[in-house]
């Protein structure tokens, strides 16, 4: 058994085979689409291609955070499996109340089980940015670092996990309150593709407007070059997530290979919780940099 149990959320968008290979537990948030409930306590998950196909035909998903009772149930399950130390890496508190729910339930569980320790960290990350956060924790755990050493490193470097992404349809950002209805309508007609990032507080922030899809994808790599700085050598692997846009994700990976010589990538679809707000066609790039 691993020295400590790493737990994260489905919002990390890590492939199931990755979770299993690295003994990572995953909490699923609830969502509804087409009048049907998935995730959460339902035990039902929708195939990501079907999810995006429904969105493209006008189905609008609704998502919910993990509440204290749900996270408590998860923590108690991991304890029953013999894990005395649990490191929970949570979805950004700037986007969800899941982190706060976990803090409440972790404290309650530790009071009832004084022989266990649960450390909850706000990753301030989303999608595979959270996945990269988890990946670094896995590397440290497997290198023999303690839970405390791993947690302290992650908290000290949380601002070095850079997120940059573009969306294909402004209307999903409008639904989430990120752009005005006027901006969404005019931008769609003009072929405007916004470039956004996740800021120091874990919020989604628009930073640039680009005309045309290909140019928006290239801007992601431009931003990477700007933000990496002295962290370039630390980027032994790059994470890319996509909203049912595999060819565009591969295009971005090829451009990174060409410009920086980086060869290792983990590319995965954006799951329903994040995808409900970013929509089909989203491309997101995650790496280590000097600052967000």
C-alpha atoms as a PDB file:
ATOM      1  CA  UNK A   1       0.000   0.000   0.000  1.00  0.00           C
ATOM      2  CA  UNK A   2       1.198   3.538  -0.783  1.00  0.00           C
ATOM      3  CA  UNK A   3       2.613   5.648   2.036  1.00  0.00           C
ATOM      4  CA  UNK A   4      -0.445   7.901   1.832  1.00  0.00           C
ATOM      5  CA  UNK A   5      -3.642   7.993  -0.217  1.00  0.00           C
ATOM      6  CA  UNK A   6      -4.007  10.658  -2.892  1.00  0.00           C
ATOM      7  CA  UNK A   7      -7.581  11.741  -3.591  1.00  0.00           C
ATOM      8  CA  UNK A   8      -8.812  14.229  -6.164  1.00  0.00           C
ATOM      9  CA  UNK A   9     -11.945  15.222  -8.084  1.00  0.00           C
ATOM     10  CA  UNK A  10     -13.239  14.156 -11.473  1.00  0.00           C
ATOM     11  CA  UNK A  11     -12.639  17.795 -12.441  1.00  0.00           C
ATOM     12  CA  UNK A  12      -8.937  16.887 -12.731  1.00  0.00           C
ATOM     13  CA  UNK A  13      -9.959  15.159 -16.001  1.00  0.00           C
ATOM     14  CA  UNK A  14      -7.365  12.418 -15.553  1.00  0.00           C
ATOM     15  CA  UNK A  15      -7.943   9.251 -17.605  1.00  0.00           C
ATOM     16  CA  UNK A  16      -9.281   6.274 -15.665  1.00  0.00           C
ATOM     17  CA  UNK A  17      -6.217   4.229 -16.574  1.00  0.00           C
ATOM     18  CA  UNK A  18      -3.991   6.912 -15.059  1.00  0.00           C
ATOM     19  CA  UNK A  19      -6.004   6.911 -11.816  1.00  0.00           C
ATOM     20  CA  UNK A  20      -5.797   3.136 -11.548  1.00  0.00           C
ATOM     21  CA  UNK A  21      -2.107   2.925 -12.436  1.00  0.00           C
ATOM     22  CA  UNK A  22      -1.198   5.430  -9.728  1.00  0.00           C
ATOM     23  CA  UNK A  23      -3.659   4.375  -6.999  1.00  0.00           C
ATOM     24  CA  UNK A  24      -5.571   7.674  -7.008  1.00  0.00           C
ATOM     25  CA  UNK A  25      -9.098   7.904  -5.644  1.00  0.00           C
ATOM     26  CA  UNK A  26     -11.551  10.183  -7.435  1.00  0.00           C
ATOM     27  CA  UNK A  27     -14.692  11.973  -6.243  1.00  0.00           C
ATOM     28  CA  UNK A  28     -17.324  12.593  -8.914  1.00  0.00           C
ATOM     29  CA  UNK A  29     -19.478  15.703  -8.869  1.00  0.00           C
ATOM     30  CA  UNK A  30     -23.114  15.464  -9.865  1.00  0.00           C
ATOM     31  CA  UNK A  31     -24.527  16.760 -13.131  1.00  0.00           C
ATOM     32  CA  UNK A  32     -27.758  16.539 -15.083  1.00  0.00           C
ATOM     33  CA  UNK A  33     -28.273  16.599 -18.833  1.00  0.00           C
ATOM     34  CA  UNK A  34     -31.356  15.740 -20.840  1.00  0.00           C
ATOM     35  CA  UNK A  35     -33.304  15.393 -17.610  1.00  0.00           C
ATOM     36  CA  UNK A  36     -31.060  12.548 -16.396  1.00  0.00           C
ATOM     37  CA  UNK A  37     -28.736  12.653 -13.371  1.00  0.00           C
ATOM     38  CA  UNK A  38     -25.140  11.442 -13.506  1.00  0.00           C
ATOM     39  CA  UNK A  39     -22.041  11.500 -11.317  1.00  0.00           C
ATOM     40  CA  UNK A  40     -22.247  12.196  -7.591  1.00  0.00           C
ATOM     41  CA  UNK A  41     -23.966   9.373  -5.745  1.00  0.00           C
ATOM     42  CA  UNK A  42     -25.737   8.029  -8.842  1.00  0.00           C
ATOM     43  CA  UNK A  43     -22.841   5.814  -9.882  1.00  0.00           C
ATOM     44  CA  UNK A  44     -23.647   6.688 -13.506  1.00  0.00           C
ATOM     45  CA  UNK A  45     -21.192   8.352 -15.882  1.00  0.00           C
ATOM     46  CA  UNK A  46     -21.901   9.464 -19.432  1.00  0.00           C
ATOM     47  CA  UNK A  47     -19.396   8.824 -22.218  1.00  0.00           C
ATOM     48  CA  UNK A  48     -17.716  12.135 -23.014  1.00  0.00           C
ATOM     49  CA  UNK A  49     -18.474  11.945 -26.730  1.00  0.00           C
ATOM     50  CA  UNK A  50     -22.159  11.474 -25.996  1.00  0.00           C
ATOM     51  CA  UNK A  51     -22.034  14.357 -23.515  1.00  0.00           C
ATOM     52  CA  UNK A  52     -20.610  16.784 -26.082  1.00  0.00           C
ATOM     53  CA  UNK A  53     -22.938  15.488 -28.794  1.00  0.00           C
ATOM     54  CA  UNK A  54     -25.861  16.403 -26.554  1.00  0.00           C
ATOM     55  CA  UNK A  55     -24.427  19.858 -25.916  1.00  0.00           C
ATOM     56  CA  UNK A  56     -24.037  20.425 -29.643  1.00  0.00           C
ATOM     57  CA  UNK A  57     -27.735  19.679 -30.141  1.00  0.00           C
ATOM     58  CA  UNK A  58     -28.731  22.223 -27.498  1.00  0.00           C
ATOM     59  CA  UNK A  59     -28.829  20.233 -24.250  1.00  0.00           C
ATOM     60  CA  UNK A  60     -27.627  22.480 -21.394  1.00  0.00           C
ATOM     61  CA  UNK A  61     -26.080  20.553 -18.469  1.00  0.00           C
ATOM     62  CA  UNK A  62     -26.331  21.611 -14.838  1.00  0.00           C
ATOM     63  CA  UNK A  63     -23.604  20.757 -12.311  1.00  0.00           C
ATOM     64  CA  UNK A  64     -23.396  20.533  -8.525  1.00  0.00           C
ATOM     65  CA  UNK A  65     -20.516  20.605  -6.066  1.00  0.00           C
ATOM     66  CA  UNK A  66     -19.569  17.831  -3.652  1.00  0.00           C
ATOM     67  CA  UNK A  67     -21.248  18.589  -0.323  1.00  0.00           C
ATOM     68  CA  UNK A  68     -19.804  17.835   3.145  1.00  0.00           C
ATOM     69  CA  UNK A  69     -21.859  14.656   3.538  1.00  0.00           C
ATOM     70  CA  UNK A  70     -20.568  13.253   0.256  1.00  0.00           C
ATOM     71  CA  UNK A  71     -16.918  14.036   0.960  1.00  0.00           C
ATOM     72  CA  UNK A  72     -17.272  12.638   4.461  1.00  0.00           C
ATOM     73  CA  UNK A  73     -18.592   9.388   3.005  1.00  0.00           C
ATOM     74  CA  UNK A  74     -15.585   9.199   0.689  1.00  0.00           C
ATOM     75  CA  UNK A  75     -13.080   9.869   3.484  1.00  0.00           C
ATOM     76  CA  UNK A  76     -14.636   7.204   5.699  1.00  0.00           C
ATOM     77  CA  UNK A  77     -14.477   4.714   2.833  1.00  0.00           C
ATOM     78  CA  UNK A  78     -10.745   5.332   2.329  1.00  0.00           C
ATOM     79  CA  UNK A  79     -10.129   4.969   6.058  1.00  0.00           C
ATOM     80  CA  UNK A  80     -12.022   1.663   6.087  1.00  0.00           C
ATOM     81  CA  UNK A  81      -9.612   0.455   3.403  1.00  0.00           C
ATOM     82  CA  UNK A  82      -6.689   0.951   5.785  1.00  0.00           C
ATOM     83  CA  UNK A  83      -5.499   4.416   4.718  1.00  0.00           C
ATOM     84  CA  UNK A  84      -4.392   6.416   7.754  1.00  0.00           C
ATOM     85  CA  UNK A  85      -3.096   9.404   5.799  1.00  0.00           C
ATOM     86  CA  UNK A  86      -5.164  11.022   3.057  1.00  0.00           C
ATOM     87  CA  UNK A  87      -4.066  13.900   0.833  1.00  0.00           C
ATOM     88  CA  UNK A  88      -7.059  15.447  -0.913  1.00  0.00           C
ATOM     89  CA  UNK A  89      -6.247  17.768  -3.820  1.00  0.00           C
ATOM     90  CA  UNK A  90      -9.390  19.778  -4.459  1.00  0.00           C
ATOM     91  CA  UNK A  91     -10.919  21.624  -7.402  1.00  0.00           C
ATOM     92  CA  UNK A  92     -10.278  25.380  -7.280  1.00  0.00           C
ATOM     93  CA  UNK A  93     -12.161  27.192  -4.523  1.00  0.00           C
ATOM     94  CA  UNK A  94     -12.517  30.034  -7.030  1.00  0.00           C
ATOM     95  CA  UNK A  95     -14.843  27.862  -9.099  1.00  0.00           C
ATOM     96  CA  UNK A  96     -16.598  25.589  -6.599  1.00  0.00           C
ATOM     97  CA  UNK A  97     -17.447  25.142  -2.931  1.00  0.00           C
ATOM     98  CA  UNK A  98     -16.128  21.564  -2.998  1.00  0.00           C
ATOM     99  CA  UNK A  99     -12.877  22.533  -1.239  1.00  0.00           C
ATOM    100  CA  UNK A 100     -14.767  24.126   1.655  1.00  0.00           C
ATOM    101  CA  UNK A 101     -17.033  21.083   1.939  1.00  0.00           C
ATOM    102  CA  UNK A 102     -13.985  18.823   2.169  1.00  0.00           C
ATOM    103  CA  UNK A 103     -12.393  20.984   4.882  1.00  0.00           C
ATOM    104  CA  UNK A 104     -15.521  20.661   7.025  1.00  0.00           C
ATOM    105  CA  UNK A 105     -15.868  16.908   6.585  1.00  0.00           C
ATOM    106  CA  UNK A 106     -12.134  16.223   7.009  1.00  0.00           C
ATOM    107  CA  UNK A 107     -12.139  17.989  10.368  1.00  0.00           C
ATOM    108  CA  UNK A 108     -15.199  16.029  11.506  1.00  0.00           C
ATOM    109  CA  UNK A 109     -13.701  12.699  10.424  1.00  0.00           C
ATOM    110  CA  UNK A 110     -10.368  13.390  12.143  1.00  0.00           C
ATOM    111  CA  UNK A 111     -12.172  14.256  15.386  1.00  0.00           C
ATOM    112  CA  UNK A 112     -13.921  10.882  15.255  1.00  0.00           C
ATOM    113  CA  UNK A 113     -10.755   9.038  14.141  1.00  0.00           C
ATOM    114  CA  UNK A 114      -7.827  10.675  15.965  1.00  0.00           C
ATOM    115  CA  UNK A 115      -5.398   8.072  14.585  1.00  0.00           C
ATOM    116  CA  UNK A 116      -5.872   9.340  11.009  1.00  0.00           C
ATOM    117  CA  UNK A 117      -4.747  12.488   9.224  1.00  0.00           C
ATOM    118  CA  UNK A 118      -6.504  14.161   6.288  1.00  0.00           C
ATOM    119  CA  UNK A 119      -4.806  17.055   4.534  1.00  0.00           C
ATOM    120  CA  UNK A 120      -6.988  19.107   2.187  1.00  0.00           C
ATOM    121  CA  UNK A 121      -5.307  21.401  -0.349  1.00  0.00           C
ATOM    122  CA  UNK A 122      -6.985  23.983  -2.539  1.00  0.00           C
ATOM    123  CA  UNK A 123      -5.288  23.380  -5.881  1.00  0.00           C
ATOM    124  CA  UNK A 124      -6.637  26.660  -7.332  1.00  0.00           C
ATOM    125  CA  UNK A 125      -6.620  24.541 -10.493  1.00  0.00           C
ATOM    126  CA  UNK A 126      -9.168  23.181 -12.952  1.00  0.00           C
ATOM    127  CA  UNK A 127      -9.335  20.397 -15.523  1.00  0.00           C
ATOM    128  CA  UNK A 128      -5.929  18.930 -16.275  1.00  0.00           C
ATOM    129  CA  UNK A 129      -4.279  21.796 -14.439  1.00  0.00           C
ATOM    130  CA  UNK A 130      -5.648  20.027 -11.385  1.00  0.00           C
ATOM    131  CA  UNK A 131      -4.486  16.821 -13.064  1.00  0.00           C
ATOM    132  CA  UNK A 132      -0.934  18.173 -13.336  1.00  0.00           C
ATOM    133  CA  UNK A 133      -1.135  19.187  -9.666  1.00  0.00           C
ATOM    134  CA  UNK A 134      -2.040  15.576  -8.839  1.00  0.00           C
ATOM    135  CA  UNK A 135       0.722  14.276 -11.111  1.00  0.00           C
ATOM    136  CA  UNK A 136       3.375  16.195  -9.179  1.00  0.00           C
ATOM    137  CA  UNK A 137       1.995  14.777  -5.922  1.00  0.00           C
ATOM    138  CA  UNK A 138       2.207  11.262  -7.370  1.00  0.00           C
ATOM    139  CA  UNK A 139       5.836  11.826  -8.362  1.00  0.00           C
ATOM    140  CA  UNK A 140       6.732  12.979  -4.849  1.00  0.00           C
ATOM    141  CA  UNK A 141       4.846  10.143  -3.142  1.00  0.00           C
ATOM    142  CA  UNK A 142       6.492   7.567  -5.381  1.00  0.00           C
ATOM    143  CA  UNK A 143       9.896   9.117  -4.690  1.00  0.00           C
ATOM    144  CA  UNK A 144       9.369   8.415  -0.994  1.00  0.00           C
ATOM    145  CA  UNK A 145       8.294  11.871   0.198  1.00  0.00           C
ATOM    146  CA  UNK A 146       5.923  12.030   3.149  1.00  0.00           C
ATOM    147  CA  UNK A 147       2.420  13.438   2.925  1.00  0.00           C
ATOM    148  CA  UNK A 148       3.523  16.575   4.761  1.00  0.00           C
ATOM    149  CA  UNK A 149       6.524  17.112   2.484  1.00  0.00           C
ATOM    150  CA  UNK A 150       4.331  16.664  -0.578  1.00  0.00           C
ATOM    151  CA  UNK A 151       1.605  18.969   0.730  1.00  0.00           C
ATOM    152  CA  UNK A 152       4.085  21.690   1.651  1.00  0.00           C
ATOM    153  CA  UNK A 153       5.706  21.580  -1.814  1.00  0.00           C
ATOM    154  CA  UNK A 154       2.339  21.792  -3.547  1.00  0.00           C
ATOM    155  CA  UNK A 155       1.192  24.726  -1.439  1.00  0.00           C
ATOM    156  CA  UNK A 156       4.494  26.522  -2.024  1.00  0.00           C
ATOM    157  CA  UNK A 157       4.263  26.035  -5.808  1.00  0.00           C
ATOM    158  CA  UNK A 158       0.515  26.371  -6.433  1.00  0.00           C
ATOM    159  CA  UNK A 159       1.065  29.603  -8.385  1.00  0.00           C
ATOM    160  CA  UNK A 160       3.458  27.829 -10.758  1.00  0.00           C
ATOM    161  CA  UNK A 161       0.684  25.689 -12.296  1.00  0.00           C
ATOM    162  CA  UNK A 162      -0.270  27.658 -15.396  1.00  0.00           C
ATOM    163  CA  UNK A 163      -3.615  27.301 -17.214  1.00  0.00           C
ATOM    164  CA  UNK A 164      -4.313  28.805 -20.623  1.00  0.00           C
ATOM    165  CA  UNK A 165      -7.279  27.898 -22.800  1.00  0.00           C
ATOM    166  CA  UNK A 166      -9.572  28.963 -25.608  1.00  0.00           C
ATOM    167  CA  UNK A 167     -13.201  28.153 -26.292  1.00  0.00           C
ATOM    168  CA  UNK A 168     -14.948  27.643 -29.606  1.00  0.00           C
ATOM    169  CA  UNK A 169     -18.383  28.937 -28.633  1.00  0.00           C
ATOM    170  CA  UNK A 170     -18.763  32.158 -26.627  1.00  0.00           C
ATOM    171  CA  UNK A 171     -22.349  31.309 -25.668  1.00  0.00           C
ATOM    172  CA  UNK A 172     -21.195  28.834 -23.030  1.00  0.00           C
ATOM    173  CA  UNK A 173     -19.087  31.552 -21.385  1.00  0.00           C
ATOM    174  CA  UNK A 174     -22.119  33.834 -21.533  1.00  0.00           C
ATOM    175  CA  UNK A 175     -24.205  31.240 -19.684  1.00  0.00           C
ATOM    176  CA  UNK A 176     -21.512  31.117 -17.010  1.00  0.00           C
ATOM    177  CA  UNK A 177     -21.393  34.896 -16.660  1.00  0.00           C
ATOM    178  CA  UNK A 178     -17.904  35.244 -18.192  1.00  0.00           C
ATOM    179  CA  UNK A 179     -18.948  37.448 -21.130  1.00  0.00           C
ATOM    180  CA  UNK A 180     -21.997  39.600 -21.869  1.00  0.00           C
ATOM    181  CA  UNK A 181     -24.744  38.486 -24.220  1.00  0.00           C
ATOM    182  CA  UNK A 182     -23.767  41.266 -26.643  1.00  0.00           C
ATOM    183  CA  UNK A 183     -20.130  40.151 -26.613  1.00  0.00           C
ATOM    184  CA  UNK A 184     -21.194  36.557 -27.213  1.00  0.00           C
ATOM    185  CA  UNK A 185     -23.405  37.439 -30.186  1.00  0.00           C
ATOM    186  CA  UNK A 186     -20.987  39.877 -31.826  1.00  0.00           C
ATOM    187  CA  UNK A 187     -17.982  37.669 -31.101  1.00  0.00           C
ATOM    188  CA  UNK A 188     -19.661  34.635 -32.630  1.00  0.00           C
ATOM    189  CA  UNK A 189     -20.537  36.528 -35.795  1.00  0.00           C
ATOM    190  CA  UNK A 190     -17.003  37.973 -36.056  1.00  0.00           C
ATOM    191  CA  UNK A 191     -15.273  34.657 -35.355  1.00  0.00           C
ATOM    192  CA  UNK A 192     -13.750  35.945 -32.117  1.00  0.00           C
ATOM    193  CA  UNK A 193     -12.088  33.281 -29.970  1.00  0.00           C
ATOM    194  CA  UNK A 194     -11.299  34.395 -26.421  1.00  0.00           C
ATOM    195  CA  UNK A 195      -8.130  33.265 -24.664  1.00  0.00           C
ATOM    196  CA  UNK A 196      -8.519  32.827 -20.905  1.00  0.00           C
ATOM    197  CA  UNK A 197      -6.455  31.701 -17.942  1.00  0.00           C
ATOM    198  CA  UNK A 198      -6.961  30.697 -14.318  1.00  0.00           C
ATOM    199  CA  UNK A 199      -5.654  33.481 -12.089  1.00  0.00           C
ATOM    200  CA  UNK A 200      -3.912  33.506  -8.717  1.00  0.00           C
ATOM    201  CA  UNK A 201      -7.240  33.056  -6.902  1.00  0.00           C
ATOM    202  CA  UNK A 202      -8.407  30.201  -9.109  1.00  0.00           C
ATOM    203  CA  UNK A 203     -10.897  32.184 -11.182  1.00  0.00           C
ATOM    204  CA  UNK A 204     -11.411  32.017 -14.955  1.00  0.00           C
ATOM    205  CA  UNK A 205     -10.269  35.318 -16.455  1.00  0.00           C
ATOM    206  CA  UNK A 206     -10.379  36.408 -20.128  1.00  0.00           C
ATOM    207  CA  UNK A 207      -7.024  37.879 -21.169  1.00  0.00           C
ATOM    208  CA  UNK A 208      -7.223  38.308 -24.944  1.00  0.00           C
ATOM    209  CA  UNK A 209      -9.534  38.140 -27.950  1.00  0.00           C
ATOM    210  CA  UNK A 210      -8.238  36.509 -31.123  1.00  0.00           C
ATOM    211  CA  UNK A 211      -9.884  36.302 -34.523  1.00  0.00           C
ATOM    212  CA  UNK A 212      -9.925  32.757 -35.894  1.00  0.00           C
ATOM    213  CA  UNK A 213      -9.511  29.279 -34.459  1.00  0.00           C
ATOM    214  CA  UNK A 214      -5.967  28.501 -35.605  1.00  0.00           C
ATOM    215  CA  UNK A 215      -4.638  31.791 -34.313  1.00  0.00           C
ATOM    216  CA  UNK A 216      -6.246  31.171 -30.917  1.00  0.00           C
ATOM    217  CA  UNK A 217      -4.534  27.766 -30.684  1.00  0.00           C
ATOM    218  CA  UNK A 218      -1.160  29.288 -31.549  1.00  0.00           C
ATOM    219  CA  UNK A 219      -1.696  31.970 -28.892  1.00  0.00           C
ATOM    220  CA  UNK A 220      -1.848  29.233 -26.263  1.00  0.00           C
ATOM    221  CA  UNK A 221       1.688  28.196 -27.186  1.00  0.00           C
ATOM    222  CA  UNK A 222       2.832  31.826 -27.346  1.00  0.00           C
ATOM    223  CA  UNK A 223       1.574  32.301 -23.798  1.00  0.00           C
ATOM    224  CA  UNK A 224       3.379  29.156 -22.713  1.00  0.00           C
ATOM    225  CA  UNK A 225       6.652  30.525 -24.081  1.00  0.00           C
ATOM    226  CA  UNK A 226       6.094  33.772 -22.206  1.00  0.00           C
ATOM    227  CA  UNK A 227       5.139  32.210 -18.864  1.00  0.00           C
ATOM    228  CA  UNK A 228       7.566  29.270 -18.620  1.00  0.00           C
ATOM    229  CA  UNK A 229      10.695  31.340 -18.034  1.00  0.00           C
ATOM    230  CA  UNK A 230      13.166  29.505 -15.807  1.00  0.00           C
ATOM    231  CA  UNK A 231      10.662  26.654 -15.406  1.00  0.00           C
ATOM    232  CA  UNK A 232      11.191  25.404 -18.955  1.00  0.00           C
ATOM    233  CA  UNK A 233      13.400  22.523 -17.806  1.00  0.00           C
ATOM    234  CA  UNK A 234      10.782  21.478 -15.247  1.00  0.00           C
ATOM    235  CA  UNK A 235       8.263  20.774 -18.008  1.00  0.00           C
ATOM    236  CA  UNK A 236       9.120  17.147 -18.687  1.00  0.00           C
ATOM    237  CA  UNK A 237       5.450  16.525 -19.477  1.00  0.00           C
ATOM    238  CA  UNK A 238       2.681  18.805 -20.746  1.00  0.00           C
ATOM    239  CA  UNK A 239      -1.022  18.258 -20.081  1.00  0.00           C
ATOM    240  CA  UNK A 240      -3.671  19.197 -22.650  1.00  0.00           C
ATOM    241  CA  UNK A 241      -7.428  18.763 -22.320  1.00  0.00           C
ATOM    242  CA  UNK A 242     -10.122  19.234 -24.951  1.00  0.00           C
ATOM    243  CA  UNK A 243     -13.887  19.431 -25.374  1.00  0.00           C
ATOM    244  CA  UNK A 244     -14.212  16.756 -28.071  1.00  0.00           C
ATOM    245  CA  UNK A 245     -11.524  18.410 -30.218  1.00  0.00           C
ATOM    246  CA  UNK A 246      -8.794  15.794 -30.458  1.00  0.00           C
ATOM    247  CA  UNK A 247      -7.275  17.072 -33.691  1.00  0.00           C
ATOM    248  CA  UNK A 248      -6.849  20.577 -32.290  1.00  0.00           C
ATOM    249  CA  UNK A 249      -5.273  19.168 -29.115  1.00  0.00           C
ATOM    250  CA  UNK A 250      -2.809  17.231 -31.276  1.00  0.00           C
ATOM    251  CA  UNK A 251      -2.082  20.416 -33.263  1.00  0.00           C
ATOM    252  CA  UNK A 252      -1.146  22.261 -30.063  1.00  0.00           C
ATOM    253  CA  UNK A 253       1.042  19.351 -28.911  1.00  0.00           C
ATOM    254  CA  UNK A 254       2.851  19.297 -32.272  1.00  0.00           C
ATOM    255  CA  UNK A 255       3.482  23.041 -32.069  1.00  0.00           C
ATOM    256  CA  UNK A 256       4.950  22.636 -28.573  1.00  0.00           C
ATOM    257  CA  UNK A 257       7.208  19.839 -29.806  1.00  0.00           C
ATOM    258  CA  UNK A 258       8.359  21.993 -32.705  1.00  0.00           C
ATOM    259  CA  UNK A 259       9.047  25.098 -30.647  1.00  0.00           C
ATOM    260  CA  UNK A 260      10.331  23.712 -27.358  1.00  0.00           C
ATOM    261  CA  UNK A 261      11.435  20.144 -28.074  1.00  0.00           C
ATOM    262  CA  UNK A 262       9.121  18.714 -25.398  1.00  0.00           C
ATOM    263  CA  UNK A 263       8.104  15.170 -26.320  1.00  0.00           C
ATOM    264  CA  UNK A 264       5.879  13.890 -23.512  1.00  0.00           C
ATOM    265  CA  UNK A 265       2.178  14.767 -23.295  1.00  0.00           C
ATOM    266  CA  UNK A 266      -0.941  13.603 -21.525  1.00  0.00           C
ATOM    267  CA  UNK A 267      -4.007  14.530 -23.581  1.00  0.00           C
ATOM    268  CA  UNK A 268      -7.497  13.861 -22.230  1.00  0.00           C
ATOM    269  CA  UNK A 269     -11.081  15.045 -22.778  1.00  0.00           C
ATOM    270  CA  UNK A 270     -12.601  17.657 -20.494  1.00  0.00           C
ATOM    271  CA  UNK A 271     -15.183  15.984 -18.294  1.00  0.00           C
ATOM    272  CA  UNK A 272     -18.799  17.081 -17.784  1.00  0.00           C
ATOM    273  CA  UNK A 273     -18.302  19.308 -14.716  1.00  0.00           C
ATOM    274  CA  UNK A 274     -15.861  21.658 -16.446  1.00  0.00           C
ATOM    275  CA  UNK A 275     -17.158  20.960 -19.955  1.00  0.00           C
ATOM    276  CA  UNK A 276     -20.661  22.091 -18.994  1.00  0.00           C
ATOM    277  CA  UNK A 277     -19.266  25.625 -18.680  1.00  0.00           C
ATOM    278  CA  UNK A 278     -16.563  25.657 -21.369  1.00  0.00           C
ATOM    279  CA  UNK A 279     -18.451  23.752 -24.058  1.00  0.00           C
ATOM    280  CA  UNK A 280     -17.465  21.664 -27.088  1.00  0.00           C
ATOM    281  CA  UNK A 281     -14.304  22.687 -28.886  1.00  0.00           C
ATOM    282  CA  UNK A 282     -12.440  23.984 -25.843  1.00  0.00           C
ATOM    283  CA  UNK A 283      -8.668  23.481 -25.858  1.00  0.00           C
ATOM    284  CA  UNK A 284      -6.747  23.919 -22.604  1.00  0.00           C
ATOM    285  CA  UNK A 285      -2.981  23.823 -22.027  1.00  0.00           C
ATOM    286  CA  UNK A 286      -1.282  23.233 -18.665  1.00  0.00           C
ATOM    287  CA  UNK A 287       2.374  23.534 -17.686  1.00  0.00           C
ATOM    288  CA  UNK A 288       4.774  24.789 -15.015  1.00  0.00           C
ATOM    289  CA  UNK A 289       5.765  28.454 -15.171  1.00  0.00           C
ATOM    290  CA  UNK A 290       7.292  31.237 -13.138  1.00  0.00           C
ATOM    291  CA  UNK A 291       3.808  32.630 -12.450  1.00  0.00           C
ATOM    292  CA  UNK A 292       0.248  32.134 -13.570  1.00  0.00           C
END
